[in-house]
Protein backbone atom coordinates (compact mmCIF):
# COMPACT_ATOMS: atom_id res chain seq x y z
CA MET A 1 0.00 0.00 0.00
CA LYS A 2 1.28 3.36 -0.92
CA LEU A 3 1.91 5.93 1.81
CA PRO A 4 -0.83 8.41 0.74
CA HIS A 5 -3.39 5.61 0.74
CA PHE A 6 -2.25 4.43 4.18
CA LEU A 7 -2.50 7.91 5.66
CA LEU A 8 -5.98 8.32 4.21
CA PHE A 9 -7.02 5.01 5.78
CA VAL A 10 -5.66 6.00 9.19
CA PHE A 11 -7.44 9.38 9.04
CA ALA A 12 -10.78 7.76 8.20
CA LEU A 13 -10.31 5.25 11.05
CA LEU A 14 -9.67 8.07 13.53
CA ILE A 15 -12.81 9.90 12.41
CA PHE A 16 -14.85 6.70 12.89
CA VAL A 17 -13.46 6.03 16.40
CA ALA A 18 -14.02 9.65 17.44
CA GLY A 19 -17.62 9.53 16.22
CA LEU A 20 -18.25 6.25 18.04
CA PHE A 21 -16.80 7.69 21.28
CA CYS A 22 -19.01 10.81 21.08
CA TRP A 23 -22.10 8.69 20.51
CA LYS A 24 -21.35 6.49 23.52
CA LEU A 25 -20.65 9.55 25.69
CA PHE A 26 -24.05 11.03 24.81
CA GLN A 27 -25.81 7.78 25.67
CA LEU A 28 -24.17 7.64 29.16
CA ARG A 29 -25.08 11.24 30.16
CA PRO A 30 -26.63 11.26 33.72
CA THR A 31 -30.39 11.88 34.03
CA PRO A 32 -31.57 14.63 36.48
CA LEU A 33 -33.39 13.44 39.69
CA GLU A 34 -36.04 16.15 39.39
CA PRO A 35 -38.75 15.50 36.86
CA HIS A 36 -39.13 17.88 33.98
CA LEU A 37 -41.44 20.73 34.96
CA PRO A 38 -43.99 21.80 32.39
CA THR A 39 -43.72 25.36 31.21
CA ASN A 40 -47.33 26.11 30.36
CA HIS A 41 -49.06 29.09 31.98
CA HIS A 42 -50.75 26.92 34.66
CA HIS A 43 -47.41 26.15 36.37
CA THR A 44 -45.40 29.32 36.03
CA HIS A 45 -45.48 30.16 39.84
CA LEU A 46 -43.02 27.66 41.26
CA LEU A 47 -42.67 29.51 44.66
CA PRO A 48 -45.50 30.89 46.84
CA PRO A 49 -45.87 34.65 46.83
CA PRO A 50 -44.28 36.50 49.77
CA GLY A 51 -46.29 36.27 53.02
CA SER A 52 -48.22 33.17 51.97
CA GLU A 53 -45.94 30.61 53.65
CA SER A 54 -47.99 30.47 56.89
CA LYS A 55 -51.21 30.02 54.95
CA SER A 56 -49.78 27.10 53.03
CA LEU A 57 -48.88 25.35 56.31
CA GLU A 58 -52.21 26.03 57.99
CA THR A 59 -54.82 23.29 58.22
CA PRO A 60 -58.52 23.80 58.91
CA THR A 61 -58.40 21.57 62.02
CA LEU A 62 -55.49 23.40 63.69
CA ALA A 63 -57.00 26.76 62.84
CA ALA A 64 -60.33 25.72 64.37
CA ILE A 65 -58.64 24.48 67.58
CA ASP A 66 -56.64 27.69 67.90
CA GLU A 67 -59.71 29.84 67.35
CA GLU A 68 -61.77 27.84 69.85
CA GLN A 69 -59.12 28.07 72.57
CA THR A 70 -58.67 31.81 72.22
CA ARG A 71 -62.45 32.32 72.21
CA LEU A 72 -62.79 30.19 75.34
CA ILE A 73 -60.07 32.04 77.25
CA ALA A 74 -61.47 35.45 76.25
CA LYS A 75 -64.85 34.38 77.63
CA LEU A 76 -63.40 33.17 80.96
CA ILE A 77 -60.94 35.96 81.80
CA PRO A 78 -63.64 38.41 83.05
CA SER A 79 -64.63 35.83 85.71
CA VAL A 80 -61.13 35.67 87.23
CA VAL A 81 -60.07 38.31 89.77
CA SER A 82 -56.91 39.43 91.51
CA ILE A 83 -56.96 39.54 95.31
CA ILE A 84 -54.77 41.86 97.37
CA THR A 85 -54.79 41.57 101.16
CA THR A 86 -53.35 43.68 103.94
CA ASP A 87 -52.33 41.56 106.91
CA SER A 88 -52.12 42.58 110.54
CA PRO A 89 -48.72 42.73 112.28
CA SER A 90 -47.50 39.54 113.88
CA ARG A 91 -48.07 38.90 117.59
CA GLU A 92 -44.33 39.14 118.22
CA GLU A 93 -44.14 42.57 116.61
CA LEU A 94 -47.10 43.84 118.64
CA LEU A 95 -45.56 42.61 121.90
CA ARG A 96 -42.27 44.32 121.10
CA GLU A 97 -44.10 47.59 120.51
CA PHE A 98 -46.23 47.18 123.65
CA PHE A 99 -43.21 46.71 125.90
CA GLY A 100 -41.27 49.50 124.22
CA PHE A 101 -38.66 47.40 122.44
CA SER A 102 -39.59 49.04 119.16
CA ASN A 103 -40.11 52.76 118.54
CA LYS A 104 -41.85 52.43 115.20
CA VAL A 105 -45.26 51.14 114.32
CA SER A 106 -45.12 47.65 112.79
CA PRO A 107 -45.76 47.82 109.07
CA THR A 108 -48.55 45.72 107.64
CA SER A 109 -47.69 43.18 104.96
CA ALA A 110 -49.53 42.57 101.70
CA LYS A 111 -50.22 39.34 99.86
CA MET A 112 -51.51 38.69 96.36
CA GLY A 113 -53.61 35.85 95.04
CA SER A 114 -56.35 34.94 92.62
CA GLY A 115 -60.01 34.07 92.78
CA MET A 116 -63.05 33.36 90.61
CA ILE A 117 -66.54 34.86 90.51
CA VAL A 118 -69.06 32.04 91.00
CA SER A 119 -72.33 33.96 91.25
CA SER A 120 -73.86 37.10 89.78
CA GLN A 121 -74.44 38.23 93.40
CA GLY A 122 -70.68 38.67 93.81
CA HIS A 123 -69.51 35.48 95.54
CA ILE A 124 -65.83 34.68 94.94
CA ILE A 125 -64.05 31.40 95.70
CA THR A 126 -60.36 31.52 96.62
CA ASN A 127 -57.88 29.79 98.94
CA TRP A 128 -58.13 30.34 102.69
CA HIS A 129 -54.38 30.92 102.95
CA VAL A 130 -54.72 33.87 100.54
CA VAL A 131 -57.01 35.82 102.90
CA LYS A 132 -56.07 34.35 106.29
CA ASP A 133 -55.12 37.04 108.85
CA ALA A 134 -56.17 39.81 106.46
CA ILE A 135 -57.49 43.05 107.93
CA GLN A 136 -58.39 44.31 104.45
CA ILE A 137 -59.26 42.43 101.25
CA ILE A 138 -59.31 44.19 97.89
CA VAL A 139 -60.54 42.55 94.68
CA GLN A 140 -59.49 43.85 91.27
CA LEU A 141 -61.72 42.92 88.34
CA ASN A 142 -60.71 42.35 84.75
CA ASP A 143 -62.23 45.67 83.69
CA GLY A 144 -60.06 47.61 86.15
CA ARG A 145 -62.60 48.10 88.94
CA THR A 146 -61.15 47.79 92.46
CA LEU A 147 -63.60 46.79 95.17
CA PRO A 148 -63.50 45.89 98.88
CA ALA A 149 -64.41 42.28 99.66
CA LYS A 150 -65.98 40.70 102.72
CA LEU A 151 -65.04 37.27 104.06
CA THR A 152 -68.27 35.23 104.06
CA GLY A 153 -67.01 31.85 105.24
CA PHE A 154 -64.17 29.38 105.05
CA ASP A 155 -62.95 25.85 105.70
CA GLU A 156 -59.36 25.93 106.88
CA HIS A 157 -58.78 22.18 106.46
CA ALA A 158 -59.89 22.29 102.82
CA ASP A 159 -58.10 25.67 102.34
CA ILE A 160 -61.18 27.20 100.71
CA ALA A 161 -62.65 30.64 101.46
CA LEU A 162 -65.68 32.48 100.12
CA LEU A 163 -65.65 36.25 99.61
CA LYS A 164 -68.36 38.63 98.50
CA ILE A 165 -68.27 41.91 96.59
CA HIS A 166 -71.05 44.26 95.46
CA ALA A 167 -70.85 45.34 91.83
CA PRO A 168 -73.05 45.27 88.74
CA GLY A 169 -72.27 43.30 85.59
CA LEU A 170 -70.40 40.41 87.20
CA ILE A 171 -69.85 37.33 85.04
CA PRO A 172 -69.78 34.05 87.01
CA ILE A 173 -67.78 31.01 85.93
CA ALA A 174 -69.24 27.49 85.89
CA LEU A 175 -68.08 24.85 88.37
CA GLY A 176 -67.61 21.45 86.74
CA ASP A 177 -67.78 17.93 88.19
CA SER A 178 -64.25 17.05 89.31
CA ASP A 179 -65.22 13.38 89.72
CA LEU A 180 -65.22 13.16 85.91
CA VAL A 181 -61.63 14.41 85.53
CA LYS A 182 -59.25 11.98 83.79
CA VAL A 183 -55.47 11.82 83.78
CA GLY A 184 -54.08 13.27 80.55
CA GLN A 185 -56.89 15.70 79.81
CA GLN A 186 -55.98 19.24 78.81
CA VAL A 187 -56.43 22.07 81.30
CA PHE A 188 -55.80 25.82 81.56
CA ALA A 189 -54.90 27.97 84.55
CA ILE A 190 -55.81 31.66 84.75
CA GLY A 191 -54.50 33.82 87.56
CA ASN A 192 -52.36 36.60 88.93
CA PRO A 193 -48.82 35.17 89.32
CA PHE A 194 -46.36 37.74 90.70
CA GLY A 195 -49.03 40.41 90.17
CA LEU A 196 -49.29 39.78 86.41
CA GLN A 197 -53.04 39.81 85.82
CA GLU A 198 -54.83 37.56 83.32
CA THR A 199 -51.91 35.17 82.93
CA VAL A 200 -52.96 31.99 81.10
CA THR A 201 -50.97 28.73 81.13
CA GLN A 202 -51.73 25.34 79.66
CA GLY A 203 -51.00 21.75 80.65
CA ILE A 204 -52.55 18.39 81.44
CA ILE A 205 -53.82 16.52 84.48
CA SER A 206 -50.72 14.56 85.50
CA ALA A 207 -52.27 12.53 88.33
CA LYS A 208 -55.30 12.29 90.62
CA GLY A 209 -55.65 11.54 94.31
CA ARG A 210 -52.41 13.19 95.45
CA ARG A 211 -52.22 13.75 99.19
CA ALA A 212 -50.92 16.98 100.60
CA MET A 213 -48.14 17.08 103.15
CA SER A 214 -50.64 18.55 105.63
CA GLU A 215 -53.88 17.82 107.49
CA ALA A 216 -55.95 18.64 104.41
CA THR A 217 -59.08 16.49 104.32
CA ASN A 218 -59.15 16.38 100.53
CA GLU A 219 -56.88 15.03 97.86
CA PHE A 220 -55.42 17.01 94.96
CA PHE A 221 -55.02 16.97 91.21
CA GLN A 222 -51.44 17.15 90.03
CA THR A 223 -51.03 19.18 86.86
CA SER A 224 -48.21 20.18 84.52
CA THR A 225 -49.77 23.66 84.17
CA GLN A 226 -47.29 26.39 85.11
CA ILE A 227 -48.41 27.86 88.44
CA ASN A 228 -46.48 30.43 90.46
CA PRO A 229 -46.99 32.52 93.63
CA GLY A 230 -50.11 34.59 93.05
CA ASN A 231 -51.94 31.82 91.18
CA SER A 232 -53.32 30.48 94.47
CA GLY A 233 -57.12 30.52 94.49
CA GLY A 234 -57.42 30.83 90.72
CA PRO A 235 -59.27 28.35 88.51
CA LEU A 236 -58.02 25.25 86.74
CA ILE A 237 -60.31 24.94 83.71
CA ASN A 238 -61.15 22.14 81.28
CA ILE A 239 -61.71 22.52 77.54
CA HIS A 240 -65.44 23.07 78.13
CA GLY A 241 -64.78 26.21 80.16
CA GLU A 242 -65.67 24.59 83.49
CA VAL A 243 -63.66 24.93 86.69
CA ILE A 244 -62.45 21.47 87.73
CA GLY A 245 -59.86 22.63 90.28
CA ILE A 246 -58.70 25.52 92.47
CA ASN A 247 -54.95 26.09 92.13
CA ASN A 248 -53.38 25.63 95.54
CA PHE A 249 -49.65 24.95 95.80
CA ILE A 250 -46.49 23.81 94.01
CA ILE A 251 -43.54 21.62 94.87
CA SER A 252 -40.36 23.41 93.88
CA GLN A 253 -36.65 23.43 94.67
CA SER A 254 -36.07 26.76 92.94
CA GLY A 255 -39.09 28.63 94.29
CA GLY A 256 -40.61 28.85 90.80
CA SER A 257 -42.82 26.51 88.86
CA GLU A 258 -41.19 23.21 87.91
CA GLY A 259 -44.24 21.43 86.51
CA LEU A 260 -45.39 20.03 89.86
CA SER A 261 -48.56 21.99 90.53
CA PHE A 262 -51.54 20.93 92.63
CA ALA A 263 -55.19 21.94 92.64
CA ILE A 264 -58.14 21.26 94.95
CA PRO A 265 -60.95 19.37 93.13
CA SER A 266 -63.85 21.68 92.32
CA ASN A 267 -66.40 19.42 94.05
CA VAL A 268 -64.72 20.21 97.38
CA ALA A 269 -65.09 23.95 96.80
CA HIS A 270 -68.64 23.51 95.48
CA ARG A 271 -69.71 21.67 98.65
CA ILE A 272 -68.23 24.39 100.88
CA TYR A 273 -69.87 27.11 98.77
CA ASN A 274 -73.28 25.41 99.03
CA ASP A 275 -72.91 25.01 102.81
CA ILE A 276 -72.06 28.66 103.37
CA ILE A 277 -74.90 29.86 101.13
CA GLU A 278 -77.48 27.50 102.66
CA TYR A 279 -76.42 27.35 106.33
CA GLY A 280 -74.18 30.39 106.76
CA ARG A 281 -71.31 28.09 107.80
CA VAL A 282 -69.44 24.99 106.69
CA THR A 283 -70.99 21.71 107.84
CA ARG A 284 -68.63 18.82 108.49
CA PRO A 285 -69.83 15.29 107.74
CA TRP A 286 -69.58 12.81 110.60
CA PHE A 287 -69.13 9.05 110.33
CA GLY A 288 -68.13 8.51 113.95
CA VAL A 289 -65.26 6.04 114.02
CA ALA A 290 -61.63 5.80 115.03
CA SER A 291 -59.59 3.70 112.63
CA ARG A 292 -56.05 2.73 111.74
CA SER A 293 -54.22 1.52 108.66
CA LEU A 294 -53.02 -2.02 108.21
CA ASN A 295 -49.42 -3.17 107.93
CA PRO A 296 -48.16 -6.67 107.08
CA ALA A 297 -47.61 -7.61 110.73
CA LEU A 298 -51.08 -6.48 111.82
CA ALA A 299 -52.71 -8.13 108.81
CA GLU A 300 -50.98 -11.42 109.67
CA GLN A 301 -52.04 -11.14 113.31
CA LEU A 302 -55.67 -10.59 112.26
CA GLU A 303 -55.40 -13.37 109.67
CA LEU A 304 -56.16 -11.00 106.81
CA LYS A 305 -54.95 -11.58 103.27
CA THR A 306 -54.66 -7.88 102.43
CA THR A 307 -53.11 -4.73 103.84
CA SER A 308 -55.63 -2.48 102.09
CA GLY A 309 -58.46 -0.94 104.06
CA ALA A 310 -59.10 0.85 107.34
CA ILE A 311 -59.68 -1.28 110.44
CA LEU A 312 -62.06 0.15 113.03
CA VAL A 313 -60.66 0.67 116.52
CA THR A 314 -63.95 1.96 117.94
CA THR A 315 -67.27 3.52 116.99
CA PHE A 316 -68.48 6.58 118.90
CA ALA A 317 -71.70 6.49 120.88
CA GLY A 318 -74.65 7.85 118.93
CA SER A 319 -72.64 8.03 115.70
CA PRO A 320 -73.92 7.07 112.24
CA ALA A 321 -71.45 4.17 112.23
CA GLU A 322 -72.81 2.76 115.48
CA ALA A 323 -76.41 3.20 114.31
CA ALA A 324 -75.61 1.29 111.10
CA GLY A 325 -74.15 -1.64 113.04
CA LEU A 326 -70.41 -1.23 112.45
CA LYS A 327 -68.19 -2.75 115.14
CA PRO A 328 -64.56 -2.55 116.27
CA GLY A 329 -62.46 -4.94 114.22
CA ASP A 330 -64.43 -4.40 111.02
CA LEU A 331 -62.16 -3.82 108.01
CA ILE A 332 -63.65 -1.15 105.73
CA VAL A 333 -62.60 -1.83 102.14
CA GLU A 334 -65.04 0.43 100.27
CA PHE A 335 -66.94 3.62 101.11
CA ASN A 336 -69.64 5.08 98.87
CA GLY A 337 -68.47 2.98 95.93
CA LYS A 338 -64.80 3.97 96.24
CA PRO A 339 -62.02 1.62 97.40
CA ILE A 340 -60.34 2.38 100.73
CA ALA A 341 -56.57 2.00 100.88
CA ASP A 342 -55.97 3.15 104.47
CA ARG A 343 -57.35 5.30 107.30
CA VAL A 344 -56.49 8.55 105.50
CA ASP A 345 -58.43 7.32 102.49
CA LEU A 346 -61.45 6.67 104.71
CA ARG A 347 -61.17 10.11 106.31
CA ASN A 348 -61.04 11.81 102.91
CA ARG A 349 -63.99 9.84 101.53
CA VAL A 350 -66.09 10.81 104.56
CA ALA A 351 -65.04 14.47 104.26
CA GLU A 352 -66.26 14.71 100.66
CA THR A 353 -69.69 13.23 101.49
CA GLU A 354 -72.71 15.49 101.87
CA VAL A 355 -74.43 15.63 105.24
CA GLY A 356 -77.64 13.59 105.18
CA LYS A 357 -76.52 11.31 102.36
CA GLU A 358 -76.90 7.53 102.68
CA VAL A 359 -73.81 5.61 101.59
CA GLU A 360 -72.95 1.94 101.35
CA VAL A 361 -69.94 0.71 103.31
CA ALA A 362 -68.33 -2.57 102.22
CA LEU A 363 -66.36 -4.36 104.95
CA LEU A 364 -64.91 -7.63 106.14
CA ARG A 365 -66.02 -8.93 109.52
CA HIS A 366 -63.97 -11.93 110.65
CA GLY A 367 -63.21 -12.54 106.97
CA THR A 368 -66.87 -12.43 105.90
CA PRO A 369 -67.83 -9.74 103.34
CA MET A 370 -70.69 -7.45 104.41
CA THR A 371 -72.32 -4.25 103.14
CA LEU A 372 -74.01 -1.79 105.50
CA THR A 373 -75.88 1.44 104.76
CA VAL A 374 -74.85 4.51 106.76
CA LYS A 375 -76.58 7.90 106.85
CA ILE A 376 -73.92 10.59 107.29
CA GLN A 377 -74.73 13.21 109.93
CA GLU A 378 -73.34 16.63 110.73
CA GLU A 379 -70.45 16.67 113.17
CA PRO A 380 -71.80 17.60 116.63
CA LYS A 381 -69.15 20.26 117.33
CA ILE A 382 -68.35 22.42 114.38
CA SER A 383 -65.23 24.58 114.48
CA ARG A 384 -65.62 26.17 111.08
CA GLY A 385 -65.92 29.80 110.08
CA HIS A 386 -69.43 31.15 110.74
CA PHE A 387 -70.40 34.39 109.01
CA GLU A 388 -73.44 35.98 107.49
CA ASN A 389 -73.97 35.66 103.74
């Protein structure tokens, strides 16, 4: 083969190889992950217009819940009041002044709390510790009115007090049935923490049946709702706008709210309110027994298979328990349909029972189950607050 022909052959071969390489390279080109977007006029706005981001994330359900909650709170706030008290000097301070150890007059101290209007006649429920020892009680309404309040009655063991003011246009709040409260349900607290009126916080019912570290004759709801000093006496409200608790105290290492808040069930406050309105004082239900709790050693000695219940030590003469036929040694395991864990449980169940009500008491007598009917009476000696309505 002649040289010109050979060079022509090599050139043609190079062109063929180059063309084949380009074709293969085109075939192996990577495909985009995003699909091709049409370019017709129906899809020209690929991004939402400015300011429409929140609308695109909004759903009808969430919007309805948000609107309902804000409407509910706005309706309830006018029923919640701030309470400011002026307390008398302590006994020690007065004695120092009397004997000349102090040349200045003892200053009075002020406390702040919350309360709720429960009648159009001006009755206000709050905590007893908010107004205890007060020589002056001032109530500030949501609309700015400041009015003097009168102490109408109280129950120190339940830590509930009833005040009364005189003013037109008062909006009462509804008291719900605290026996229907369930753990996990949503609740709101409205009050006056640290003097900040109309403060609203939200949480859930964390537990029921908590016992206070005191002689309180009622149990408490535990709630995760943020409660601080000044919230005492304010309402704990369910999603229906009903008061199911009265905010009472917190457990805290820092002095502020740590999510361990406690409220008095509304049925306790409702009973005290009804007593004061109807009788002018708080009536205390009377069962008429002395009892003790069981422990493993005592249960074994009495040949009992359980340590739950309250065992009767004695029944008082003329008491409802004696009239119903209860005897020392009876083990009460249920009172008014509620199980009894120990003597404190029995005391609390009696305390929440209305005077005059007939209740069934389930017990074990020498190992034999029995049920007796007891009509609860009023305690013979009443040491409760007694005031005019």
